[in-house]
PDB file of N, CA and C in Angstrom:
ATOM      1  N   MET A   1      59.190 190.432 287.225  1.00  0.00           N
ATOM      2  CA  MET A   1      58.937 190.377 285.697  1.00  0.00           C
ATOM      3  C   MET A   1      57.546 189.769 285.415  1.00  0.00           C
ATOM      4  N   ALA A   2      56.779 190.420 284.236  1.00  0.00           N
ATOM      5  CA  ALA A   2      55.586 189.820 283.936  1.00  0.00           C
ATOM      6  C   ALA A   2      55.808 188.272 283.235  1.00  0.00           C
ATOM      7  N   ALA A   3      54.639 187.716 283.205  1.00  0.00           N
ATOM      8  CA  ALA A   3      54.561 186.640 282.772  1.00  0.00           C
ATOM      9  C   ALA A   3      54.636 186.683 281.178  1.00  0.00           C
ATOM     10  N   VAL A   4      55.619 185.935 280.706  1.00  0.00           N
ATOM     11  CA  VAL A   4      55.829 185.994 279.207  1.00  0.00           C
ATOM     12  C   VAL A   4      55.902 184.754 278.159  1.00  0.00           C
ATOM     13  N   ALA A   5      55.016 183.969 278.647  1.00  0.00           N
ATOM     14  CA  ALA A   5      54.920 182.583 277.850  1.00  0.00           C
ATOM     15  C   ALA A   5      54.344 182.931 276.345  1.00  0.00           C
ATOM     16  N   GLY A   6      54.984 182.684 275.620  1.00  0.00           N
ATOM     17  CA  GLY A   6      54.349 182.713 274.203  1.00  0.00           C
ATOM     18  C   GLY A   6      54.632 183.906 273.605  1.00  0.00           C
ATOM     19  N   CYS A   7      55.427 184.997 274.467  1.00  0.00           N
ATOM     20  CA  CYS A   7      55.571 186.005 273.760  1.00  0.00           C
ATOM     21  C   CYS A   7      56.999 186.382 273.666  1.00  0.00           C
ATOM     22  N   PRO A   8      57.745 186.034 272.912  1.00  0.00           N
ATOM     23  CA  PRO A   8      59.097 185.899 272.836  1.00  0.00           C
ATOM     24  C   PRO A   8      59.663 187.281 272.834  1.00  0.00           C
ATOM     25  N   VAL A   9      58.733 188.237 272.125  1.00  0.00           N
ATOM     26  CA  VAL A   9      59.382 189.585 271.683  1.00  0.00           C
ATOM     27  C   VAL A   9      59.402 190.551 273.108  1.00  0.00           C
ATOM     28  N   ARG A  10      58.280 190.253 273.851  1.00  0.00           N
ATOM     29  CA  ARG A  10      58.025 190.734 275.238  1.00  0.00           C
ATOM     30  C   ARG A  10      58.979 190.247 276.263  1.00  0.00           C
ATOM     31  N   ALA A  11      59.320 189.217 276.152  1.00  0.00           N
ATOM     32  CA  ALA A  11      60.175 188.254 276.980  1.00  0.00           C
ATOM     33  C   ALA A  11      61.908 189.102 276.590  1.00  0.00           C
ATOM     34  N   GLU A  12      61.949 189.430 275.499  1.00  0.00           N
ATOM     35  CA  GLU A  12      63.254 190.064 275.210  1.00  0.00           C
ATOM     36  C   GLU A  12      63.387 191.476 275.728  1.00  0.00           C
ATOM     37  N   GLU A  13      62.255 192.190 275.850  1.00  0.00           N
ATOM     38  CA  GLU A  13      62.123 193.598 276.268  1.00  0.00           C
ATOM     39  C   GLU A  13      61.977 193.600 277.395  1.00  0.00           C
ATOM     40  N   GLU A  14      61.403 192.643 278.211  1.00  0.00           N
ATOM     41  CA  GLU A  14      61.437 192.291 279.916  1.00  0.00           C
ATOM     42  C   GLU A  14      62.878 192.197 280.256  1.00  0.00           C
ATOM     43  N   LEU A  15      63.667 191.364 279.668  1.00  0.00           N
ATOM     44  CA  LEU A  15      65.165 191.037 279.968  1.00  0.00           C
ATOM     45  C   LEU A  15      65.982 192.117 279.669  1.00  0.00           C
ATOM     46  N   GLY A  16      65.669 193.317 278.898  1.00  0.00           N
ATOM     47  CA  GLY A  16      66.490 194.181 278.844  1.00  0.00           C
ATOM     48  C   GLY A  16      66.955 194.922 279.625  1.00  0.00           C
ATOM     49  N   TRP A  17      65.850 195.429 280.757  1.00  0.00           N
ATOM     50  CA  TRP A  17      66.165 196.150 282.052  1.00  0.00           C
ATOM     51  C   TRP A  17      66.913 195.716 283.067  1.00  0.00           C
ATOM     52  N   PRO A  18      66.819 194.355 283.355  1.00  0.00           N
ATOM     53  CA  PRO A  18      67.888 193.799 284.142  1.00  0.00           C
ATOM     54  C   PRO A  18      69.043 193.596 283.626  1.00  0.00           C
ATOM     55  N   ILE A  19      69.469 193.355 282.502  1.00  0.00           N
ATOM     56  CA  ILE A  19      70.755 193.387 282.039  1.00  0.00           C
ATOM     57  C   ILE A  19      71.374 194.355 282.141  1.00  0.00           C
ATOM     58  N   ASP A  20      70.657 195.600 281.666  1.00  0.00           N
ATOM     59  CA  ASP A  20      71.309 196.894 281.755  1.00  0.00           C
ATOM     60  C   ASP A  20      71.439 197.474 283.061  1.00  0.00           C
ATOM     61  N   ASP A  21      70.612 197.190 284.112  1.00  0.00           N
ATOM     62  CA  ASP A  21      70.682 197.375 285.557  1.00  0.00           C
ATOM     63  C   ASP A  21      72.036 196.533 285.779  1.00  0.00           C
ATOM     64  N   ILE A  22      72.012 195.379 285.698  1.00  0.00           N
ATOM     65  CA  ILE A  22      73.574 194.645 286.156  1.00  0.00           C
ATOM     66  C   ILE A  22      74.734 195.400 285.598  1.00  0.00           C
ATOM     67  N   ASP A  23      74.564 195.480 284.305  1.00  0.00           N
ATOM     68  CA  ASP A  23      75.903 196.172 283.678  1.00  0.00           C
ATOM     69  C   ASP A  23      76.287 197.497 284.336  1.00  0.00           C
ATOM     70  N   ALA A  24      75.202 198.226 284.642  1.00  0.00           N
ATOM     71  CA  ALA A  24      75.559 199.793 284.994  1.00  0.00           C
ATOM     72  C   ALA A  24      75.884 199.612 286.595  1.00  0.00           C
ATOM     73  N   GLN A  25      75.888 198.552 287.505  1.00  0.00           N
ATOM     74  CA  GLN A  25      76.122 198.513 288.892  1.00  0.00           C
ATOM     75  C   GLN A  25      77.613 198.822 288.843  1.00  0.00           C
ATOM     76  N   ASP A  26      78.202 198.966 290.017  1.00  0.00           N
ATOM     77  CA  ASP A  26      79.593 199.008 290.678  1.00  0.00           C
ATOM     78  C   ASP A  26      80.101 197.626 290.626  1.00  0.00           C
ATOM     79  N   ALA A  27      81.205 197.539 290.476  1.00  0.00           N
ATOM     80  CA  ALA A  27      82.013 196.239 290.211  1.00  0.00           C
ATOM     81  C   ALA A  27      81.943 195.307 291.487  1.00  0.00           C
ATOM     82  N   ILE A  28      81.219 194.361 291.543  1.00  0.00           N
ATOM     83  CA  ILE A  28      81.178 193.340 292.614  1.00  0.00           C
ATOM     84  C   ILE A  28      81.691 192.029 291.975  1.00  0.00           C
ATOM     85  N   ASP A  29      81.776 191.101 293.055  1.00  0.00           N
ATOM     86  CA  ASP A  29      82.374 189.704 292.731  1.00  0.00           C
ATOM     87  C   ASP A  29      81.507 189.211 291.654  1.00  0.00           C
ATOM     88  N   SER A  30      80.139 189.118 291.956  1.00  0.00           N
ATOM     89  CA  SER A  30      79.464 188.155 291.353  1.00  0.00           C
ATOM     90  C   SER A  30      78.760 188.989 290.052  1.00  0.00           C
ATOM     91  N   ARG A  31      79.063 190.002 290.001  1.00  0.00           N
ATOM     92  CA  ARG A  31      78.390 190.990 288.955  1.00  0.00           C
ATOM     93  C   ARG A  31      78.496 190.311 287.695  1.00  0.00           C
ATOM     94  N   ASP A  32      79.963 190.024 287.420  1.00  0.00           N
ATOM     95  CA  ASP A  32      80.058 189.627 285.961  1.00  0.00           C
ATOM     96  C   ASP A  32      79.178 188.268 285.774  1.00  0.00           C
ATOM     97  N   LYS A  33      79.478 187.615 286.493  1.00  0.00           N
ATOM     98  CA  LYS A  33      78.735 186.074 286.405  1.00  0.00           C
ATOM     99  C   LYS A  33      77.290 186.346 286.330  1.00  0.00           C
ATOM    100  N   LEU A  34      76.638 186.992 287.153  1.00  0.00           N
ATOM    101  CA  LEU A  34      75.319 187.351 286.870  1.00  0.00           C
ATOM    102  C   LEU A  34      74.765 188.055 285.367  1.00  0.00           C
ATOM    103  N   LEU A  35      75.805 189.256 285.068  1.00  0.00           N
ATOM    104  CA  LEU A  35      75.408 189.493 283.990  1.00  0.00           C
ATOM    105  C   LEU A  35      75.442 188.620 282.758  1.00  0.00           C
ATOM    106  N   ARG A  36      76.541 187.592 282.580  1.00  0.00           N
ATOM    107  CA  ARG A  36      76.663 186.941 281.720  1.00  0.00           C
ATOM    108  C   ARG A  36      75.596 185.606 281.692  1.00  0.00           C
ATOM    109  N   MET A  37      75.014 185.437 282.919  1.00  0.00           N
ATOM    110  CA  MET A  37      73.713 184.623 282.940  1.00  0.00           C
ATOM    111  C   MET A  37      72.690 184.922 282.419  1.00  0.00           C
ATOM    112  N   ALA A  38      72.386 186.408 282.484  1.00  0.00           N
ATOM    113  CA  ALA A  38      71.218 187.154 282.162  1.00  0.00           C
ATOM    114  C   ALA A  38      71.357 187.201 280.739  1.00  0.00           C
ATOM    115  N   GLU A  39      72.498 187.440 280.032  1.00  0.00           N
ATOM    116  CA  GLU A  39      72.824 187.641 278.561  1.00  0.00           C
ATOM    117  C   GLU A  39      72.196 186.436 278.062  1.00  0.00           C
ATOM    118  N   GLU A  40      72.934 185.264 278.550  1.00  0.00           N
ATOM    119  CA  GLU A  40      72.691 183.772 278.159  1.00  0.00           C
ATOM    120  C   GLU A  40      71.258 183.531 278.289  1.00  0.00           C
ATOM    121  N   PHE A  41      70.380 184.010 279.294  1.00  0.00           N
ATOM    122  CA  PHE A  41      69.205 183.656 279.350  1.00  0.00           C
ATOM    123  C   PHE A  41      68.372 184.328 278.100  1.00  0.00           C
ATOM    124  N   ALA A  42      68.695 185.550 277.862  1.00  0.00           N
ATOM    125  CA  ALA A  42      68.184 186.479 276.809  1.00  0.00           C
ATOM    126  C   ALA A  42      68.268 185.889 275.756  1.00  0.00           C
ATOM    127  N   GLY A  43      69.274 185.455 275.407  1.00  0.00           N
ATOM    128  CA  GLY A  43      70.063 184.944 273.969  1.00  0.00           C
ATOM    129  C   GLY A  43      69.353 183.581 273.931  1.00  0.00           C
ATOM    130  N   CYS A  44      68.769 182.850 274.897  1.00  0.00           N
ATOM    131  CA  CYS A  44      68.057 181.670 274.885  1.00  0.00           C
ATOM    132  C   CYS A  44      66.860 181.874 274.384  1.00  0.00           C
ATOM    133  N   ILE A  45      66.408 182.831 274.990  1.00  0.00           N
ATOM    134  CA  ILE A  45      64.693 183.200 274.707  1.00  0.00           C
ATOM    135  C   ILE A  45      64.806 183.546 272.734  1.00  0.00           C
ATOM    136  N   GLU A  46      65.649 184.334 272.573  1.00  0.00           N
ATOM    137  CA  GLU A  46      65.625 184.879 271.339  1.00  0.00           C
ATOM    138  C   GLU A  46      66.070 183.864 270.461  1.00  0.00           C
ATOM    139  N   ASN A  47      66.823 182.640 270.677  1.00  0.00           N
ATOM    140  CA  ASN A  47      67.045 181.880 269.803  1.00  0.00           C
ATOM    141  C   ASN A  47      66.033 180.888 269.936  1.00  0.00           C
ATOM    142  N   ASN A  48      65.405 180.592 270.870  1.00  0.00           N
ATOM    143  CA  ASN A  48      64.039 179.769 270.700  1.00  0.00           C
ATOM    144  C   ASN A  48      62.873 180.138 270.770  1.00  0.00           C
ATOM    145  N   ALA A  49      62.676 181.449 270.249  1.00  0.00           N
ATOM    146  CA  ALA A  49      61.394 182.251 270.100  1.00  0.00           C
ATOM    147  C   ALA A  49      60.402 181.382 269.274  1.00  0.00           C
ATOM    148  N   HIS A  50      60.769 180.822 268.161  1.00  0.00           N
ATOM    149  CA  HIS A  50      60.009 179.950 267.254  1.00  0.00           C
ATOM    150  C   HIS A  50      59.052 178.875 268.135  1.00  0.00           C
ATOM    151  N   ALA A  51      59.723 178.395 269.004  1.00  0.00           N
ATOM    152  CA  ALA A  51      59.529 177.214 269.653  1.00  0.00           C
ATOM    153  C   ALA A  51      58.631 177.515 271.122  1.00  0.00           C
ATOM    154  N   ILE A  52      58.745 178.688 271.466  1.00  0.00           N
ATOM    155  CA  ILE A  52      57.790 179.202 272.911  1.00  0.00           C
ATOM    156  C   ILE A  52      56.286 179.427 272.296  1.00  0.00           C
ATOM    157  N   VAL A  53      55.671 178.345 273.293  1.00  0.00           N
ATOM    158  CA  VAL A  53      54.275 178.026 273.229  1.00  0.00           C
ATOM    159  C   VAL A  53      53.550 179.348 274.171  1.00  0.00           C
ATOM    160  N   ASP A  54      52.421 179.731 273.306  1.00  0.00           N
ATOM    161  CA  ASP A  54      51.728 180.484 273.964  1.00  0.00           C
ATOM    162  C   ASP A  54      50.521 180.061 274.932  1.00  0.00           C
ATOM    163  N   TYR A  55      50.861 179.537 276.200  1.00  0.00           N
ATOM    164  CA  TYR A  55      49.870 178.343 276.789  1.00  0.00           C
ATOM    165  C   TYR A  55      48.598 179.283 276.884  1.00  0.00           C
ATOM    166  N   GLY A  56      48.430 180.533 277.210  1.00  0.00           N
ATOM    167  CA  GLY A  56      47.383 181.259 277.379  1.00  0.00           C
ATOM    168  C   GLY A  56      46.151 181.268 275.986  1.00  0.00           C
ATOM    169  N   GLU A  57      46.883 181.569 275.044  1.00  0.00           N
ATOM    170  CA  GLU A  57      46.225 181.172 273.754  1.00  0.00           C
ATOM    171  C   GLU A  57      45.734 179.846 273.631  1.00  0.00           C
ATOM    172  N   ARG A  58      46.416 178.777 273.691  1.00  0.00           N
ATOM    173  CA  ARG A  58      46.004 177.319 273.571  1.00  0.00           C
ATOM    174  C   ARG A  58      44.976 177.232 274.785  1.00  0.00           C
ATOM    175  N   SER A  59      44.913 177.691 275.843  1.00  0.00           N
ATOM    176  CA  SER A  59      43.944 177.523 276.777  1.00  0.00           C
ATOM    177  C   SER A  59      42.488 178.266 276.433  1.00  0.00           C
ATOM    178  N   ARG A  60      42.657 179.403 276.014  1.00  0.00           N
ATOM    179  CA  ARG A  60      41.677 180.050 275.500  1.00  0.00           C
ATOM    180  C   ARG A  60      40.848 179.540 274.277  1.00  0.00           C
ATOM    181  N   ASN A  61      41.366 178.679 273.470  1.00  0.00           N
ATOM    182  CA  ASN A  61      41.148 177.987 272.324  1.00  0.00           C
ATOM    183  C   ASN A  61      40.395 176.550 272.662  1.00  0.00           C
ATOM    184  N   GLY A  62      40.808 176.065 273.630  1.00  0.00           N
ATOM    185  CA  GLY A  62      40.131 175.017 274.474  1.00  0.00           C
ATOM    186  C   GLY A  62      41.202 173.722 274.005  1.00  0.00           C
ATOM    187  N   ASP A  63      42.395 174.172 273.742  1.00  0.00           N
ATOM    188  CA  ASP A  63      43.377 172.987 273.568  1.00  0.00           C
ATOM    189  C   ASP A  63      44.165 172.679 274.666  1.00  0.00           C
ATOM    190  N   LEU A  64      44.632 171.174 274.593  1.00  0.00           N
ATOM    191  CA  LEU A  64      45.378 170.878 275.420  1.00  0.00           C
ATOM    192  C   LEU A  64      46.824 171.447 276.023  1.00  0.00           C
ATOM    193  N   ILE A  65      47.059 171.855 277.038  1.00  0.00           N
ATOM    194  CA  ILE A  65      48.382 172.379 277.215  1.00  0.00           C
ATOM    195  C   ILE A  65      49.264 171.514 278.237  1.00  0.00           C
ATOM    196  N   SER A  66      49.049 170.205 278.214  1.00  0.00           N
ATOM    197  CA  SER A  66      49.906 169.443 279.053  1.00  0.00           C
ATOM    198  C   SER A  66      50.082 168.242 278.152  1.00  0.00           C
ATOM    199  N   SER A  67      51.330 167.477 278.232  1.00  0.00           N
ATOM    200  CA  SER A  67      51.608 166.539 277.520  1.00  0.00           C
ATOM    201  C   SER A  67      52.061 165.242 278.442  1.00  0.00           C
ATOM    202  N   GLY A  68      51.791 165.755 279.753  1.00  0.00           N
ATOM    203  CA  GLY A  68      52.353 164.875 281.020  1.00  0.00           C
ATOM    204  C   GLY A  68      52.263 163.200 280.767  1.00  0.00           C
ATOM    205  N   ILE A  69      50.849 163.074 280.462  1.00  0.00           N
ATOM    206  CA  ILE A  69      50.405 161.492 280.315  1.00  0.00           C
ATOM    207  C   ILE A  69      51.448 161.050 279.099  1.00  0.00           C
ATOM    208  N   ALA A  70      51.481 161.804 277.990  1.00  0.00           N
ATOM    209  CA  ALA A  70      52.261 161.087 276.873  1.00  0.00           C
ATOM    210  C   ALA A  70      53.868 160.953 277.075  1.00  0.00           C
ATOM    211  N   GLU A  71      54.392 162.087 278.020  1.00  0.00           N
ATOM    212  CA  GLU A  71      55.738 161.901 278.386  1.00  0.00           C
ATOM    213  C   GLU A  71      55.899 161.163 279.360  1.00  0.00           C
ATOM    214  N   SER A  72      54.960 160.879 280.440  1.00  0.00           N
ATOM    215  CA  SER A  72      55.087 159.641 281.217  1.00  0.00           C
ATOM    216  C   SER A  72      55.232 158.054 280.438  1.00  0.00           C
ATOM    217  N   ALA A  73      54.319 157.869 279.755  1.00  0.00           N
ATOM    218  CA  ALA A  73      54.501 156.807 279.118  1.00  0.00           C
ATOM    219  C   ALA A  73      55.619 156.524 278.462  1.00  0.00           C
ATOM    220  N   ILE A  74      56.041 157.476 277.535  1.00  0.00           N
ATOM    221  CA  ILE A  74      57.385 157.321 276.661  1.00  0.00           C
ATOM    222  C   ILE A  74      58.589 157.173 277.630  1.00  0.00           C
ATOM    223  N   ASN A  75      58.621 157.960 278.657  1.00  0.00           N
ATOM    224  CA  ASN A  75      59.762 157.898 279.697  1.00  0.00           C
ATOM    225  C   ASN A  75      59.665 156.301 280.202  1.00  0.00           C
ATOM    226  N   GLN A  76      58.609 155.827 280.709  1.00  0.00           N
ATOM    227  CA  GLN A  76      58.308 154.364 280.925  1.00  0.00           C
ATOM    228  C   GLN A  76      59.139 153.617 280.003  1.00  0.00           C
ATOM    229  N   VAL A  77      58.677 153.688 278.869  1.00  0.00           N
ATOM    230  CA  VAL A  77      59.048 152.635 277.895  1.00  0.00           C
ATOM    231  C   VAL A  77      60.592 152.978 277.578  1.00  0.00           C
ATOM    232  N   ILE A  78      61.042 153.873 277.299  1.00  0.00           N
ATOM    233  CA  ILE A  78      62.256 154.303 277.165  1.00  0.00           C
ATOM    234  C   ILE A  78      63.297 153.851 278.530  1.00  0.00           C
ATOM    235  N   THR A  79      62.715 154.200 279.837  1.00  0.00           N
ATOM    236  CA  THR A  79      63.578 153.375 280.677  1.00  0.00           C
ATOM    237  C   THR A  79      63.811 152.249 280.810  1.00  0.00           C
ATOM    238  N   ARG A  80      62.472 151.521 280.742  1.00  0.00           N
ATOM    239  CA  ARG A  80      62.653 150.258 280.758  1.00  0.00           C
ATOM    240  C   ARG A  80      63.405 149.386 279.777  1.00  0.00           C
ATOM    241  N   ARG A  81      63.802 149.913 278.434  1.00  0.00           N
ATOM    242  CA  ARG A  81      64.598 149.281 277.673  1.00  0.00           C
ATOM    243  C   ARG A  81      65.735 149.824 277.815  1.00  0.00           C
ATOM    244  N   MET A  82      66.102 150.795 278.605  1.00  0.00           N
ATOM    245  CA  MET A  82      67.744 151.123 278.806  1.00  0.00           C
ATOM    246  C   MET A  82      68.249 150.527 280.105  1.00  0.00           C
ATOM    247  N   VAL A  83      67.393 149.904 280.877  1.00  0.00           N
ATOM    248  CA  VAL A  83      68.071 149.204 281.935  1.00  0.00           C
ATOM    249  C   VAL A  83      68.838 147.978 281.587  1.00  0.00           C
ATOM    250  N   LYS A  84      70.020 147.880 282.193  1.00  0.00           N
ATOM    251  CA  LYS A  84      70.961 146.923 281.710  1.00  0.00           C
ATOM    252  C   LYS A  84      70.729 145.223 282.095  1.00  0.00           C
ATOM    253  N   LYS A  85      69.450 145.202 282.881  1.00  0.00           N
ATOM    254  CA  LYS A  85      69.064 143.921 283.179  1.00  0.00           C
ATOM    255  C   LYS A  85      68.021 143.382 281.982  1.00  0.00           C
ATOM    256  N   GLN A  86      67.711 144.078 281.283  1.00  0.00           N
ATOM    257  CA  GLN A  86      66.920 143.704 280.166  1.00  0.00           C
ATOM    258  C   GLN A  86      67.842 142.630 278.985  1.00  0.00           C
ATOM    259  N   PRO A  87      67.348 141.847 278.504  1.00  0.00           N
ATOM    260  CA  PRO A  87      68.077 140.870 277.716  1.00  0.00           C
ATOM    261  C   PRO A  87      68.587 141.580 276.245  1.00  0.00           C
ATOM    262  N   MET A  88      67.566 142.786 275.821  1.00  0.00           N
ATOM    263  CA  MET A  88      68.217 143.278 274.952  1.00  0.00           C
ATOM    264  C   MET A  88      68.073 144.897 275.185  1.00  0.00           C
ATOM    265  N   ALA A  89      68.934 145.376 276.113  1.00  0.00           N
ATOM    266  CA  ALA A  89      68.809 146.641 276.595  1.00  0.00           C
ATOM    267  C   ALA A  89      69.700 147.781 275.459  1.00  0.00           C
ATOM    268  N   TRP A  90      68.695 148.784 275.195  1.00  0.00           N
ATOM    269  CA  TRP A  90      69.376 150.119 274.284  1.00  0.00           C
ATOM    270  C   TRP A  90      70.614 150.612 274.888  1.00  0.00           C
ATOM    271  N   SER A  91      71.551 150.819 273.959  1.00  0.00           N
ATOM    272  CA  SER A  91      72.574 152.196 274.415  1.00  0.00           C
ATOM    273  C   SER A  91      72.022 153.277 274.257  1.00  0.00           C
ATOM    274  N   PRO A  92      72.668 154.303 274.970  1.00  0.00           N
ATOM    275  CA  PRO A  92      72.214 155.642 274.750  1.00  0.00           C
ATOM    276  C   PRO A  92      72.030 156.105 273.359  1.00  0.00           C
ATOM    277  N   ASP A  93      73.226 155.765 272.380  1.00  0.00           N
ATOM    278  CA  ASP A  93      73.381 156.383 271.152  1.00  0.00           C
ATOM    279  C   ASP A  93      71.869 155.541 270.230  1.00  0.00           C
ATOM    280  N   GLY A  94      71.951 154.294 270.591  1.00  0.00           N
ATOM    281  CA  GLY A  94      71.160 153.546 269.885  1.00  0.00           C
ATOM    282  C   GLY A  94      69.300 153.993 270.046  1.00  0.00           C
ATOM    283  N   ALA A  95      69.362 154.256 271.374  1.00  0.00           N
ATOM    284  CA  ALA A  95      67.981 154.730 271.867  1.00  0.00           C
ATOM    285  C   ALA A  95      67.415 156.055 270.987  1.00  0.00           C
ATOM    286  N   HIS A  96      68.658 157.115 271.028  1.00  0.00           N
ATOM    287  CA  HIS A  96      68.707 158.421 270.123  1.00  0.00           C
ATOM    288  C   HIS A  96      68.154 158.021 269.238  1.00  0.00           C
ATOM    289  N   ASN A  97      68.984 157.325 267.946  1.00  0.00           N
ATOM    290  CA  ASN A  97      68.863 156.897 266.712  1.00  0.00           C
ATOM    291  C   ASN A  97      67.517 156.230 266.354  1.00  0.00           C
ATOM    292  N   LEU A  98      66.704 155.296 267.337  1.00  0.00           N
ATOM    293  CA  LEU A  98      65.687 154.645 267.297  1.00  0.00           C
ATOM    294  C   LEU A  98      64.388 155.926 267.478  1.00  0.00           C
ATOM    295  N   LEU A  99      64.772 156.689 268.379  1.00  0.00           N
ATOM    296  CA  LEU A  99      63.687 157.636 268.463  1.00  0.00           C
ATOM    297  C   LEU A  99      63.601 158.626 267.512  1.00  0.00           C
ATOM    298  N   GLN A 100      64.536 159.150 267.138  1.00  0.00           N
ATOM    299  CA  GLN A 100      64.713 159.762 265.534  1.00  0.00           C
ATOM    300  C   GLN A 100      63.908 159.182 264.580  1.00  0.00           C
ATOM    301  N   ILE A 101      64.182 157.987 264.490  1.00  0.00           N
ATOM    302  CA  ILE A 101      63.417 157.290 263.152  1.00  0.00           C
ATOM    303  C   ILE A 101      62.042 157.168 263.509  1.00  0.00           C
ATOM    304  N   ARG A 102      61.659 156.995 264.645  1.00  0.00           N
ATOM    305  CA  ARG A 102      60.322 156.949 265.073  1.00  0.00           C
ATOM    306  C   ARG A 102      59.633 158.027 265.058  1.00  0.00           C
ATOM    307  N   THR A 103      60.232 159.225 265.419  1.00  0.00           N
ATOM    308  CA  THR A 103      59.716 160.724 265.283  1.00  0.00           C
ATOM    309  C   THR A 103      59.559 160.934 263.863  1.00  0.00           C
ATOM    310  N   ALA A 104      60.464 160.750 262.702  1.00  0.00           N
ATOM    311  CA  ALA A 104      60.381 161.042 261.475  1.00  0.00           C
ATOM    312  C   ALA A 104      59.217 160.187 260.966  1.00  0.00           C
ATOM    313  N   LEU A 105      59.125 158.938 261.461  1.00  0.00           N
ATOM    314  CA  LEU A 105      57.842 158.089 260.994  1.00  0.00           C
ATOM    315  C   LEU A 105      56.556 158.963 261.361  1.00  0.00           C
ATOM    316  N   LEU A 106      56.473 158.995 262.259  1.00  0.00           N
ATOM    317  CA  LEU A 106      54.977 159.743 263.092  1.00  0.00           C
ATOM    318  C   LEU A 106      55.038 161.002 262.518  1.00  0.00           C
ATOM    319  N   ASN A 107      56.007 161.867 262.136  1.00  0.00           N
ATOM    320  CA  ASN A 107      56.053 163.090 261.550  1.00  0.00           C
ATOM    321  C   ASN A 107      55.621 162.812 259.856  1.00  0.00           C
ATOM    322  N   ALA A 108      55.780 161.808 259.305  1.00  0.00           N
ATOM    323  CA  ALA A 108      55.518 161.530 257.885  1.00  0.00           C
ATOM    324  C   ALA A 108      56.949 162.479 257.249  1.00  0.00           C
ATOM    325  N   ASP A 109      57.825 162.373 258.008  1.00  0.00           N
ATOM    326  CA  ASP A 109      58.972 162.897 257.449  1.00  0.00           C
ATOM    327  C   ASP A 109      59.947 161.818 256.862  1.00  0.00           C
ATOM    328  N   LEU A 110      59.804 160.543 257.448  1.00  0.00           N
ATOM    329  CA  LEU A 110      60.835 159.505 257.185  1.00  0.00           C
ATOM    330  C   LEU A 110      60.979 159.318 255.502  1.00  0.00           C
ATOM    331  N   ARG A 111      60.003 159.183 254.562  1.00  0.00           N
ATOM    332  CA  ARG A 111      60.008 158.930 253.451  1.00  0.00           C
ATOM    333  C   ARG A 111      61.262 159.980 252.794  1.00  0.00           C
ATOM    334  N   ALA A 112      60.561 161.221 253.033  1.00  0.00           N
ATOM    335  CA  ALA A 112      61.471 162.257 252.346  1.00  0.00           C
ATOM    336  C   ALA A 112      62.914 162.274 252.814  1.00  0.00           C
ATOM    337  N   SER A 113      63.355 162.044 253.893  1.00  0.00           N
ATOM    338  CA  SER A 113      64.721 161.767 254.537  1.00  0.00           C
ATOM    339  C   SER A 113      65.331 160.875 253.977  1.00  0.00           C
ATOM    340  N   LEU A 114      64.701 159.494 253.697  1.00  0.00           N
ATOM    341  CA  LEU A 114      65.317 158.426 253.034  1.00  0.00           C
ATOM    342  C   LEU A 114      65.746 158.565 251.695  1.00  0.00           C
ATOM    343  N   ASP A 115      64.625 159.242 250.556  1.00  0.00           N
ATOM    344  CA  ASP A 115      64.898 159.715 249.605  1.00  0.00           C
ATOM    345  C   ASP A 115      66.157 160.489 249.444  1.00  0.00           C
ATOM    346  N   GLN A 116      66.264 161.521 250.267  1.00  0.00           N
ATOM    347  CA  GLN A 116      67.339 162.436 250.558  1.00  0.00           C
ATOM    348  C   GLN A 116      68.775 161.775 250.654  1.00  0.00           C
ATOM    349  N   TRP A 117      68.786 160.834 251.720  1.00  0.00           N
ATOM    350  CA  TRP A 117      69.845 159.972 252.077  1.00  0.00           C
ATOM    351  C   TRP A 117      70.437 158.930 251.143  1.00  0.00           C
ATOM    352  N   TYR A 118      69.456 158.321 250.469  1.00  0.00           N
ATOM    353  CA  TYR A 118      69.477 157.277 249.438  1.00  0.00           C
ATOM    354  C   TYR A 118      68.945 157.484 248.203  1.00  0.00           C
ATOM    355  N   PRO A 119      68.993 158.299 247.368  1.00  0.00           N
ATOM    356  CA  PRO A 119      68.313 158.874 246.182  1.00  0.00           C
ATOM    357  C   PRO A 119      68.372 157.704 245.272  1.00  0.00           C
ATOM    358  N   LYS A 120      69.300 156.974 245.211  1.00  0.00           N
ATOM    359  CA  LYS A 120      69.021 155.958 244.188  1.00  0.00           C
ATOM    360  C   LYS A 120      68.450 154.679 244.491  1.00  0.00           C
ATOM    361  N   ALA A 121      67.912 154.824 245.649  1.00  0.00           N
ATOM    362  CA  ALA A 121      67.099 153.527 246.237  1.00  0.00           C
ATOM    363  C   ALA A 121      65.635 153.934 245.879  1.00  0.00           C
ATOM    364  N   ALA A 122      65.161 155.015 245.609  1.00  0.00           N
ATOM    365  CA  ALA A 122      63.823 155.348 245.409  1.00  0.00           C
ATOM    366  C   ALA A 122      63.498 155.035 243.966  1.00  0.00           C
TER     367      ALA A 122
END
């Protein structure tokens, strides 16, 4: 299969032939499982087409294509706070909620969400 990063329509087209080939094969033990997995993968690409990044285009524009440094820093902070040896360790639910609020704040969406959730407070 050809590289399809950032091209969800092309990915859907490329995934069509293996699904058709698997479906056309004689009955074998793993055929149904393989077909189900291929269809699930194709559905995943279709459902997430809006979020598939075209890294080739980003590279040609001189944009960064790696977030490894930021992800590493975030993972270190979160992991440190999730360790139970910390005096104030986070629960998984608490960490998730805090990160949702922090993300909304950084995206400048927090005020709109608060106004929606608590219209009388505004």
